[in-house]
N, C-alpha and C. Protein backbone atom coordinates (compact mmCIF):
# COMPACT_ATOMS: atom_id res chain seq x y z
N MET A 1 16.95 -27.30 -12.23
CA MET A 1 15.50 -26.93 -11.83
C MET A 1 15.46 -25.77 -10.81
N ARG A 2 14.66 -25.01 -10.93
CA ARG A 2 14.61 -23.73 -9.91
C ARG A 2 13.63 -24.33 -8.85
N THR A 3 13.85 -23.70 -7.83
CA THR A 3 12.96 -24.03 -6.56
C THR A 3 11.48 -23.72 -6.81
N SER A 4 11.30 -22.59 -7.63
CA SER A 4 9.98 -22.18 -7.95
C SER A 4 9.25 -23.13 -8.83
N ASP A 5 10.03 -23.89 -9.49
CA ASP A 5 9.51 -25.11 -10.39
C ASP A 5 8.90 -26.24 -9.40
N LEU A 6 9.17 -26.42 -8.27
CA LEU A 6 8.85 -27.28 -7.31
C LEU A 6 7.69 -26.84 -6.55
N LEU A 7 7.25 -25.71 -6.63
CA LEU A 7 6.04 -24.97 -5.95
C LEU A 7 4.81 -25.29 -6.55
N PRO A 8 3.61 -25.48 -5.93
CA PRO A 8 2.48 -25.38 -6.75
C PRO A 8 2.07 -24.02 -7.37
N GLN A 9 1.23 -24.06 -8.44
CA GLN A 9 1.06 -22.71 -9.04
C GLN A 9 -0.05 -22.00 -8.33
N ALA A 10 -1.06 -22.85 -7.63
CA ALA A 10 -2.02 -21.95 -6.80
C ALA A 10 -1.72 -22.03 -5.51
N HIS A 11 -2.02 -20.89 -4.78
CA HIS A 11 -1.70 -20.61 -3.51
C HIS A 11 -2.68 -20.88 -2.62
N ILE A 12 -2.86 -21.24 -1.32
CA ILE A 12 -3.75 -21.02 -0.48
C ILE A 12 -4.07 -19.58 -0.28
N ARG A 13 -5.31 -19.29 -0.67
CA ARG A 13 -5.69 -17.84 -0.63
C ARG A 13 -5.96 -17.37 0.97
N GLU A 14 -6.60 -18.22 1.70
CA GLU A 14 -6.97 -18.07 3.14
C GLU A 14 -6.69 -18.93 4.05
N ILE A 15 -5.99 -18.73 5.39
CA ILE A 15 -5.76 -19.50 6.33
C ILE A 15 -6.74 -18.94 7.58
N VAL A 16 -7.58 -19.89 8.07
CA VAL A 16 -8.64 -19.29 8.92
C VAL A 16 -8.10 -20.05 10.32
N VAL A 17 -8.29 -19.04 11.36
CA VAL A 17 -7.74 -19.54 12.47
C VAL A 17 -9.02 -19.19 13.66
N ARG A 18 -9.25 -20.49 14.38
CA ARG A 18 -10.47 -20.23 15.04
C ARG A 18 -9.93 -20.83 16.53
N ALA A 19 -10.66 -20.11 17.39
CA ALA A 19 -10.36 -20.45 18.89
C ALA A 19 -10.57 -21.95 19.23
N ALA A 20 -9.76 -22.63 20.03
CA ALA A 20 -10.09 -24.06 20.02
C ALA A 20 -11.22 -24.21 21.24
N PRO A 21 -12.00 -25.07 21.19
CA PRO A 21 -13.00 -25.28 22.33
C PRO A 21 -12.47 -25.43 23.59
N GLY A 22 -12.77 -24.67 24.59
CA GLY A 22 -12.45 -24.61 26.07
C GLY A 22 -11.12 -23.98 26.29
N ASN A 23 -10.31 -23.52 25.41
CA ASN A 23 -8.94 -22.64 25.68
C ASN A 23 -8.76 -21.61 24.83
N PRO A 24 -9.21 -20.43 25.31
CA PRO A 24 -9.06 -19.18 24.57
C PRO A 24 -7.45 -18.90 24.14
N ARG A 25 -6.44 -19.80 24.46
CA ARG A 25 -5.06 -19.33 24.08
C ARG A 25 -4.83 -20.59 23.24
N ARG A 26 -5.58 -21.11 22.52
CA ARG A 26 -5.22 -22.39 21.74
C ARG A 26 -6.08 -21.99 20.66
N ALA A 27 -5.65 -22.38 19.36
CA ALA A 27 -6.68 -22.55 18.11
C ALA A 27 -6.51 -23.66 17.31
N ILE A 28 -7.45 -23.71 16.21
CA ILE A 28 -7.22 -24.71 15.24
C ILE A 28 -6.98 -23.90 14.00
N VAL A 29 -6.01 -24.30 13.22
CA VAL A 29 -5.50 -23.58 11.86
C VAL A 29 -6.22 -24.20 10.69
N GLN A 30 -6.89 -23.72 9.83
CA GLN A 30 -7.26 -24.44 8.68
C GLN A 30 -6.99 -23.92 7.47
N ALA A 31 -5.96 -24.54 6.68
CA ALA A 31 -5.49 -23.87 5.31
C ALA A 31 -5.88 -24.81 4.09
N GLY A 32 -6.81 -24.59 3.46
CA GLY A 32 -7.22 -25.63 2.32
C GLY A 32 -7.58 -26.94 3.25
N HIS A 33 -6.89 -28.00 2.74
CA HIS A 33 -7.47 -29.37 3.45
C HIS A 33 -6.66 -29.59 4.56
N LEU A 34 -5.74 -28.77 4.83
CA LEU A 34 -4.85 -29.09 6.09
C LEU A 34 -5.43 -28.23 7.36
N THR A 35 -5.35 -29.18 8.53
CA THR A 35 -5.90 -28.59 9.91
C THR A 35 -4.58 -28.99 10.69
N PHE A 36 -4.40 -27.78 11.57
CA PHE A 36 -3.27 -27.77 12.51
C PHE A 36 -3.50 -27.23 14.00
N PRO A 37 -3.10 -27.67 15.00
CA PRO A 37 -3.37 -27.03 16.25
C PRO A 37 -2.51 -25.89 16.49
N ALA A 38 -2.57 -24.78 17.24
CA ALA A 38 -2.02 -23.70 17.25
C ALA A 38 -2.18 -23.14 18.70
N ALA A 39 -0.95 -22.28 19.06
CA ALA A 39 -1.16 -21.42 20.11
C ALA A 39 -1.41 -20.07 19.71
N LEU A 40 -2.17 -19.26 20.63
CA LEU A 40 -2.72 -17.87 20.48
C LEU A 40 -1.95 -17.07 21.77
N GLY A 41 -2.20 -15.75 21.68
CA GLY A 41 -1.78 -14.91 22.73
C GLY A 41 -2.08 -15.35 23.91
N ARG A 42 -1.39 -15.17 25.16
CA ARG A 42 -1.72 -15.54 26.55
C ARG A 42 -2.89 -14.78 27.09
N SER A 43 -3.64 -13.68 26.11
CA SER A 43 -4.79 -13.35 26.66
C SER A 43 -5.86 -13.62 25.68
N GLY A 44 -5.64 -14.50 24.82
CA GLY A 44 -6.57 -15.08 23.89
C GLY A 44 -6.80 -14.16 22.74
N ARG A 45 -7.87 -13.67 22.40
CA ARG A 45 -8.20 -13.03 20.92
C ARG A 45 -8.85 -11.66 21.61
N THR A 46 -8.42 -10.67 20.65
CA THR A 46 -9.23 -9.30 21.03
C THR A 46 -9.54 -8.60 19.55
N SER A 47 -10.57 -7.75 19.42
CA SER A 47 -10.81 -6.74 18.47
C SER A 47 -10.30 -5.40 18.81
N THR A 48 -9.63 -5.24 19.83
CA THR A 48 -9.05 -3.96 20.29
C THR A 48 -7.71 -4.10 20.82
N LYS A 49 -6.63 -4.60 19.72
CA LYS A 49 -5.36 -4.80 20.18
C LYS A 49 -4.61 -3.67 20.64
N LYS A 50 -3.76 -3.87 21.71
CA LYS A 50 -2.98 -2.71 22.09
C LYS A 50 -1.60 -3.56 22.52
N GLU A 51 -0.50 -2.55 22.30
CA GLU A 51 0.84 -2.95 22.56
C GLU A 51 0.75 -3.67 24.04
N GLY A 52 1.54 -4.76 24.20
CA GLY A 52 1.46 -5.48 25.42
C GLY A 52 0.49 -6.09 26.05
N ASP A 53 -0.63 -6.29 25.48
CA ASP A 53 -1.84 -6.94 25.91
C ASP A 53 -1.67 -8.42 25.82
N GLY A 54 -0.88 -8.92 25.14
CA GLY A 54 -0.68 -10.49 24.88
C GLY A 54 -1.81 -11.03 24.22
N ALA A 55 -2.57 -10.43 23.50
CA ALA A 55 -3.71 -10.82 22.82
C ALA A 55 -3.50 -11.07 21.22
N THR A 56 -3.97 -11.94 20.62
CA THR A 56 -3.83 -11.97 19.17
C THR A 56 -5.18 -11.16 18.63
N PRO A 57 -4.83 -10.40 17.56
CA PRO A 57 -5.80 -9.41 16.90
C PRO A 57 -6.89 -10.38 16.05
N ILE A 58 -8.21 -10.11 16.43
CA ILE A 58 -9.19 -10.58 15.59
C ILE A 58 -9.13 -9.87 14.11
N THR A 59 -9.18 -10.18 13.28
CA THR A 59 -8.75 -9.39 11.99
C THR A 59 -8.28 -10.53 10.89
N THR A 60 -8.02 -9.82 9.66
CA THR A 60 -7.69 -10.42 8.35
C THR A 60 -6.32 -9.83 8.15
N MET A 61 -5.45 -10.63 7.89
CA MET A 61 -3.86 -10.06 7.71
C MET A 61 -3.37 -10.62 6.59
N ARG A 62 -2.73 -9.92 5.65
CA ARG A 62 -2.06 -10.48 4.47
C ARG A 62 -0.64 -10.95 5.04
N LEU A 63 -0.15 -12.11 4.63
CA LEU A 63 1.26 -12.43 4.77
C LEU A 63 2.18 -11.69 3.90
N LEU A 64 2.97 -10.96 4.55
CA LEU A 64 3.90 -9.94 3.84
C LEU A 64 5.24 -10.56 3.27
N HIS A 65 6.06 -11.29 4.23
CA HIS A 65 7.15 -12.03 3.90
C HIS A 65 7.46 -12.59 5.01
N GLY A 66 8.81 -13.23 5.23
CA GLY A 66 9.18 -13.97 6.37
C GLY A 66 10.82 -14.06 6.64
N TYR A 67 11.03 -14.71 7.67
CA TYR A 67 12.42 -14.91 8.18
C TYR A 67 12.68 -16.13 8.46
N TYR A 68 13.84 -16.92 8.43
CA TYR A 68 14.12 -17.98 8.88
C TYR A 68 15.81 -18.37 9.17
N ARG A 69 15.87 -19.12 10.22
CA ARG A 69 17.21 -19.22 10.68
C ARG A 69 17.99 -20.26 9.70
N SER A 70 18.71 -19.51 8.85
CA SER A 70 19.74 -20.34 8.13
C SER A 70 20.89 -21.15 8.55
N ASP A 71 21.09 -20.95 10.06
CA ASP A 71 22.14 -21.74 10.77
C ASP A 71 21.41 -22.89 11.50
N ARG A 72 20.01 -23.02 11.24
CA ARG A 72 19.43 -24.05 11.88
C ARG A 72 18.67 -24.93 10.89
N LEU A 73 18.09 -24.28 9.81
CA LEU A 73 17.22 -24.92 8.77
C LEU A 73 17.77 -24.48 7.23
N ILE A 74 17.41 -25.25 6.27
CA ILE A 74 17.83 -25.17 4.84
C ILE A 74 16.51 -24.07 4.47
N ALA A 75 16.93 -23.46 3.61
CA ALA A 75 15.72 -22.48 3.13
C ALA A 75 14.41 -23.17 2.81
N PRO A 76 13.25 -22.71 3.34
CA PRO A 76 12.00 -23.49 3.15
C PRO A 76 11.58 -23.22 1.81
N LYS A 77 10.74 -24.13 1.18
CA LYS A 77 10.35 -23.75 -0.27
C LYS A 77 9.06 -23.21 0.13
N THR A 78 9.08 -22.01 -0.45
CA THR A 78 7.82 -21.14 -0.55
C THR A 78 7.79 -20.07 -1.53
N SER A 79 6.59 -19.75 -2.01
CA SER A 79 6.49 -18.48 -2.78
C SER A 79 6.57 -17.19 -1.87
N LEU A 80 6.73 -17.36 -0.62
CA LEU A 80 6.76 -15.91 0.03
C LEU A 80 8.15 -15.65 0.04
N ALA A 81 8.59 -14.15 0.05
CA ALA A 81 9.92 -13.79 0.12
C ALA A 81 10.53 -14.24 1.63
N LEU A 82 11.43 -14.96 1.56
CA LEU A 82 11.97 -15.32 2.95
C LEU A 82 13.45 -14.62 3.10
N THR A 83 13.96 -14.46 4.21
CA THR A 83 15.19 -13.77 4.32
C THR A 83 15.85 -14.45 5.51
N ALA A 84 17.08 -14.70 5.26
CA ALA A 84 18.06 -15.24 6.42
C ALA A 84 18.00 -14.36 7.44
N ILE A 85 17.91 -14.82 8.87
CA ILE A 85 17.87 -13.95 9.86
C ILE A 85 19.58 -13.64 10.34
N ARG A 86 19.98 -12.70 10.47
CA ARG A 86 21.23 -12.39 10.85
C ARG A 86 21.33 -11.80 12.28
N GLN A 87 22.43 -11.96 12.79
CA GLN A 87 22.59 -11.53 14.15
C GLN A 87 22.31 -10.24 14.57
N ASP A 88 22.53 -9.24 13.65
CA ASP A 88 22.08 -7.78 13.84
C ASP A 88 20.50 -7.49 13.73
N MET A 89 19.59 -8.42 13.35
CA MET A 89 18.40 -8.13 13.21
C MET A 89 17.50 -8.13 14.21
N LEU A 90 16.67 -6.91 14.63
CA LEU A 90 15.86 -6.85 15.67
C LEU A 90 14.64 -6.07 15.34
N TRP A 91 13.57 -6.30 16.03
CA TRP A 91 12.12 -5.69 15.61
C TRP A 91 11.98 -4.89 16.97
N CYS A 92 11.77 -3.65 16.42
CA CYS A 92 11.25 -2.58 17.22
C CYS A 92 9.95 -2.67 17.87
N ASP A 93 9.76 -2.79 19.12
CA ASP A 93 8.60 -2.84 19.83
C ASP A 93 8.40 -1.33 20.90
N ALA A 94 8.84 -0.46 20.60
CA ALA A 94 8.87 0.98 21.39
C ALA A 94 7.59 1.74 20.47
N PRO A 95 6.42 1.78 21.19
CA PRO A 95 5.62 2.78 20.38
C PRO A 95 5.85 4.34 20.06
N ALA A 96 7.11 4.52 21.05
CA ALA A 96 7.15 6.21 20.82
C ALA A 96 8.38 6.32 19.75
N ASP A 97 8.84 5.26 19.23
CA ASP A 97 9.94 5.40 18.43
C ASP A 97 9.41 5.55 16.87
N ALA A 98 10.32 6.03 16.01
CA ALA A 98 9.70 6.18 14.64
C ALA A 98 9.85 4.98 13.96
N SER A 99 10.66 3.88 14.40
CA SER A 99 10.77 2.58 13.93
C SER A 99 9.86 1.69 14.32
N TYR A 100 9.04 1.92 15.21
CA TYR A 100 7.95 1.12 15.94
C TYR A 100 7.46 0.07 14.80
N ASN A 101 7.45 -1.11 15.30
CA ASN A 101 6.99 -2.23 14.52
C ASN A 101 7.72 -2.56 13.18
N THR A 102 8.92 -2.30 13.33
CA THR A 102 9.60 -2.68 11.98
C THR A 102 10.92 -3.26 12.19
N LEU A 103 11.46 -4.00 11.35
CA LEU A 103 12.97 -4.60 11.46
C LEU A 103 14.05 -3.47 11.51
N VAL A 104 14.70 -3.37 12.58
CA VAL A 104 15.84 -2.47 12.86
C VAL A 104 17.02 -3.23 13.07
N ARG A 105 18.27 -2.77 12.86
CA ARG A 105 19.70 -3.26 12.88
C ARG A 105 20.20 -2.79 14.40
N ALA A 106 20.98 -3.85 14.86
CA ALA A 106 21.80 -3.56 16.06
C ALA A 106 23.05 -2.76 15.53
N PRO A 107 23.40 -1.88 16.60
CA PRO A 107 22.90 -1.54 17.61
C PRO A 107 21.66 -0.85 17.82
N PHE A 108 20.70 -0.68 18.71
CA PHE A 108 19.53 -0.03 18.64
C PHE A 108 19.02 0.10 20.24
N GLN A 109 19.05 1.14 20.82
CA GLN A 109 18.61 1.51 21.99
C GLN A 109 17.21 1.35 22.28
N PRO A 110 16.24 1.81 21.66
CA PRO A 110 14.79 1.77 22.16
C PRO A 110 14.48 0.09 22.11
N SER A 111 13.37 -0.15 22.89
CA SER A 111 12.85 -1.39 23.28
C SER A 111 12.70 -2.24 21.83
N HIS A 112 13.17 -3.48 21.77
CA HIS A 112 13.14 -4.39 20.68
C HIS A 112 13.06 -5.74 21.04
N GLU A 113 13.26 -6.82 20.29
CA GLU A 113 13.10 -8.18 20.19
C GLU A 113 14.05 -8.52 19.32
N LYS A 114 15.18 -9.49 19.69
CA LYS A 114 16.18 -10.11 18.85
C LYS A 114 15.38 -11.17 18.09
N MET A 115 15.52 -11.10 16.77
CA MET A 115 15.17 -12.12 15.85
C MET A 115 15.94 -13.40 15.91
N THR A 116 17.13 -13.20 16.40
CA THR A 116 17.79 -14.61 16.67
C THR A 116 17.74 -15.04 18.06
N ARG A 117 16.49 -15.86 18.38
CA ARG A 117 16.01 -15.88 19.83
C ARG A 117 16.86 -17.26 20.05
N GLU A 118 17.22 -17.28 21.27
CA GLU A 118 17.81 -18.83 21.79
C GLU A 118 16.88 -19.97 21.51
N ASP A 119 15.59 -19.67 21.68
CA ASP A 119 14.59 -20.96 21.62
C ASP A 119 14.36 -21.04 19.97
N HIS A 120 13.38 -21.71 19.49
CA HIS A 120 13.46 -21.93 18.23
C HIS A 120 11.95 -21.27 17.64
N LEU A 121 11.29 -20.53 18.27
CA LEU A 121 10.22 -19.86 17.87
C LEU A 121 10.33 -19.06 16.56
N TYR A 122 11.56 -18.50 16.41
CA TYR A 122 11.47 -17.63 15.05
C TYR A 122 12.46 -18.36 13.89
N ASP A 123 12.78 -19.83 14.20
CA ASP A 123 13.38 -20.53 13.28
C ASP A 123 12.88 -20.19 11.70
N ILE A 124 11.41 -20.12 11.97
CA ILE A 124 10.74 -19.70 10.63
C ILE A 124 9.48 -18.68 11.30
N CYS A 125 9.51 -17.46 10.70
CA CYS A 125 8.75 -16.28 11.21
C CYS A 125 8.21 -15.61 10.20
N LEU A 126 7.04 -15.78 10.17
CA LEU A 126 6.31 -15.07 8.78
C LEU A 126 5.65 -13.63 9.39
N VAL A 127 5.80 -12.50 8.49
CA VAL A 127 5.18 -11.27 9.08
C VAL A 127 4.11 -10.96 8.54
N MET A 128 2.97 -10.99 9.48
CA MET A 128 1.51 -10.58 8.99
C MET A 128 1.38 -9.10 8.85
N ASP A 129 0.39 -8.62 8.21
CA ASP A 129 0.37 -7.16 7.92
C ASP A 129 -0.64 -6.49 9.27
N TRP A 130 -0.10 -6.88 10.29
CA TRP A 130 -0.86 -6.24 11.57
C TRP A 130 -0.09 -5.04 11.66
N ASN A 131 -0.86 -3.85 11.82
CA ASN A 131 -0.23 -2.52 12.39
C ASN A 131 1.18 -2.22 11.50
N ILE A 132 1.30 -2.67 9.99
CA ILE A 132 2.49 -2.42 9.48
C ILE A 132 2.30 -1.59 8.21
N SER A 133 1.28 -1.73 7.36
CA SER A 133 0.84 -1.06 6.31
C SER A 133 0.61 0.44 6.73
N SER A 134 -0.31 0.31 7.83
CA SER A 134 -0.94 1.58 8.50
C SER A 134 -0.46 1.61 9.64
N ARG A 135 0.81 1.95 10.21
CA ARG A 135 1.25 1.93 11.65
C ARG A 135 0.80 2.89 12.43
N GLN A 136 0.04 2.48 13.81
CA GLN A 136 -0.41 3.57 14.81
C GLN A 136 0.29 3.09 15.89
N ARG A 137 0.73 4.03 16.86
CA ARG A 137 1.37 3.73 18.01
C ARG A 137 0.44 3.05 19.00
N ASN A 138 1.06 2.19 19.90
CA ASN A 138 0.31 1.14 20.71
C ASN A 138 -0.63 0.34 20.26
N ARG A 139 -0.80 0.15 18.75
CA ARG A 139 -1.79 -0.63 18.36
C ARG A 139 -1.23 -2.37 18.33
N GLY A 140 -0.06 -2.46 18.74
CA GLY A 140 0.52 -3.88 18.63
C GLY A 140 1.71 -4.08 17.85
N SER A 141 2.79 -4.82 18.02
CA SER A 141 3.83 -4.93 17.25
C SER A 141 4.37 -6.46 17.03
N ALA A 142 5.25 -6.78 16.11
CA ALA A 142 5.55 -8.15 16.15
C ALA A 142 4.69 -9.45 16.23
N ILE A 143 3.46 -8.88 15.55
CA ILE A 143 2.40 -10.05 15.47
C ILE A 143 2.66 -10.94 14.31
N PHE A 144 3.45 -12.10 14.56
CA PHE A 144 4.05 -13.17 13.38
C PHE A 144 3.21 -14.47 13.56
N PHE A 145 3.48 -14.98 12.51
CA PHE A 145 2.89 -16.50 12.33
C PHE A 145 4.31 -17.29 12.49
N HIS A 146 4.68 -17.98 13.74
CA HIS A 146 5.79 -18.48 13.81
C HIS A 146 5.71 -19.73 14.55
N LEU A 147 6.65 -20.46 14.89
CA LEU A 147 6.72 -21.92 15.60
C LEU A 147 6.40 -21.77 17.07
N ALA A 148 5.64 -22.67 17.32
CA ALA A 148 5.17 -23.13 18.74
C ALA A 148 6.18 -23.40 19.73
N LYS A 149 5.95 -23.02 20.85
CA LYS A 149 6.55 -23.71 21.97
C LYS A 149 6.07 -25.18 22.50
N PRO A 150 6.84 -25.89 23.22
CA PRO A 150 6.47 -27.05 23.50
C PRO A 150 4.99 -27.05 24.20
N ASP A 151 4.35 -27.94 23.93
CA ASP A 151 2.73 -27.93 24.38
C ASP A 151 1.90 -26.80 24.34
N TYR A 152 2.37 -26.05 23.14
CA TYR A 152 1.65 -24.90 22.56
C TYR A 152 1.44 -23.91 23.62
N LYS A 153 2.40 -23.62 24.43
CA LYS A 153 2.27 -22.39 25.32
C LYS A 153 2.00 -21.30 24.75
N PRO A 154 1.30 -20.42 25.45
CA PRO A 154 0.59 -19.14 24.69
C PRO A 154 1.68 -18.14 24.13
N THR A 155 1.52 -17.28 23.27
CA THR A 155 2.35 -16.29 22.62
C THR A 155 2.20 -15.10 23.24
N GLU A 156 2.87 -13.95 22.86
CA GLU A 156 2.61 -12.48 23.30
C GLU A 156 1.54 -12.13 22.33
N GLY A 157 0.88 -12.76 21.65
CA GLY A 157 -0.16 -12.29 20.55
C GLY A 157 0.05 -13.04 18.94
N CYS A 158 0.99 -13.63 18.95
CA CYS A 158 1.14 -14.33 17.65
C CYS A 158 0.39 -15.37 17.48
N ILE A 159 0.56 -16.18 16.17
CA ILE A 159 -0.05 -17.41 15.94
C ILE A 159 1.11 -18.28 15.82
N ALA A 160 1.01 -19.61 16.48
CA ALA A 160 2.21 -20.21 16.42
C ALA A 160 1.78 -21.88 16.25
N ILE A 161 2.62 -22.35 15.34
CA ILE A 161 2.32 -23.85 14.99
C ILE A 161 3.63 -24.72 15.06
N ARG A 162 3.71 -25.88 14.95
CA ARG A 162 4.86 -26.77 15.18
C ARG A 162 5.68 -26.67 14.01
N LEU A 163 7.10 -26.78 14.17
CA LEU A 163 7.91 -27.08 12.78
C LEU A 163 7.19 -28.02 11.60
N ARG A 164 7.01 -29.11 11.94
CA ARG A 164 6.60 -30.06 11.00
C ARG A 164 5.29 -29.39 10.38
N ASP A 165 4.51 -28.96 10.94
CA ASP A 165 3.08 -28.24 10.32
C ASP A 165 3.56 -27.06 9.53
N MET A 166 4.46 -26.10 9.83
CA MET A 166 4.81 -25.04 9.28
C MET A 166 5.40 -25.17 7.81
N GLN A 167 6.46 -26.50 7.92
CA GLN A 167 6.83 -27.06 6.68
C GLN A 167 6.12 -27.66 5.78
N ARG A 168 4.99 -28.10 6.28
CA ARG A 168 3.80 -28.55 5.32
C ARG A 168 3.23 -27.52 4.62
N LEU A 169 3.10 -26.25 5.37
CA LEU A 169 1.97 -25.11 5.00
C LEU A 169 2.80 -24.20 3.94
N LEU A 170 4.17 -24.03 4.26
CA LEU A 170 4.94 -23.06 3.54
C LEU A 170 4.77 -23.29 2.01
N PRO A 171 4.97 -24.55 1.28
CA PRO A 171 5.06 -24.38 0.19
C PRO A 171 3.35 -24.03 -0.69
N LEU A 172 2.71 -23.88 0.15
CA LEU A 172 1.14 -23.70 -0.28
C LEU A 172 0.92 -22.21 -0.08
N LEU A 173 1.75 -21.40 0.43
CA LEU A 173 1.56 -20.00 0.69
C LEU A 173 2.18 -19.08 -0.50
N GLY A 174 1.64 -17.89 -0.46
CA GLY A 174 2.05 -16.94 -1.39
C GLY A 174 1.76 -15.47 -0.93
N PRO A 175 2.27 -14.48 -1.67
CA PRO A 175 2.00 -13.20 -1.28
C PRO A 175 0.42 -12.69 -1.38
N ASP A 176 -0.47 -13.61 -1.99
CA ASP A 176 -1.85 -13.31 -1.89
C ASP A 176 -2.37 -14.21 -1.00
N THR A 177 -1.73 -14.72 0.13
CA THR A 177 -2.24 -15.37 1.19
C THR A 177 -2.70 -14.53 2.22
N VAL A 178 -3.87 -14.53 2.89
CA VAL A 178 -4.31 -13.80 4.20
C VAL A 178 -4.55 -14.81 5.12
N VAL A 179 -4.26 -14.31 6.39
CA VAL A 179 -4.79 -14.99 7.71
C VAL A 179 -5.95 -14.48 8.52
N ARG A 180 -6.93 -15.09 8.57
CA ARG A 180 -8.08 -14.54 9.14
C ARG A 180 -8.38 -15.12 10.32
N VAL A 181 -8.15 -14.26 11.56
CA VAL A 181 -8.46 -14.80 12.82
C VAL A 181 -9.95 -14.50 13.09
N LEU A 182 -10.70 -15.60 13.54
CA LEU A 182 -12.17 -15.24 13.86
C LEU A 182 -12.15 -15.23 15.65
């Protein structure tokens, strides 16, 4: 039996992310019948996202693909394209560089983020189409849907949920799924 045989035929088309009452750095994520708490950026949400502002963009973003730590997890079941993270994988966050907001390989001198983080935030990391299909300098980089810190501490602009919740959600996602931040 193939992994794809175990996945549902219909995917959740939309994940809705709403600010949690009383805390602009927390959210409620709704995906079909599932609802999860989540962390948002340290600066809450914004409709004018800029590099380094710590805010989660208010927009609709398609899920493009994802990454996972094969040294920590078995390959998650999903219809999204997932790639095992290697030690040389970095994400460029240097607005002046031609590789801004893309995956790059070490060694790489401009500013970047390691995909092999010491913490577990990128054990599963989904890439949302924020400033990727149509990149503009300083509009923000590395806006991911990833795993949350303990107690849902704020992100740098990403959306983050617990591993258990991500594992429940992944089989329902596909390349036609969008994340809508309200």
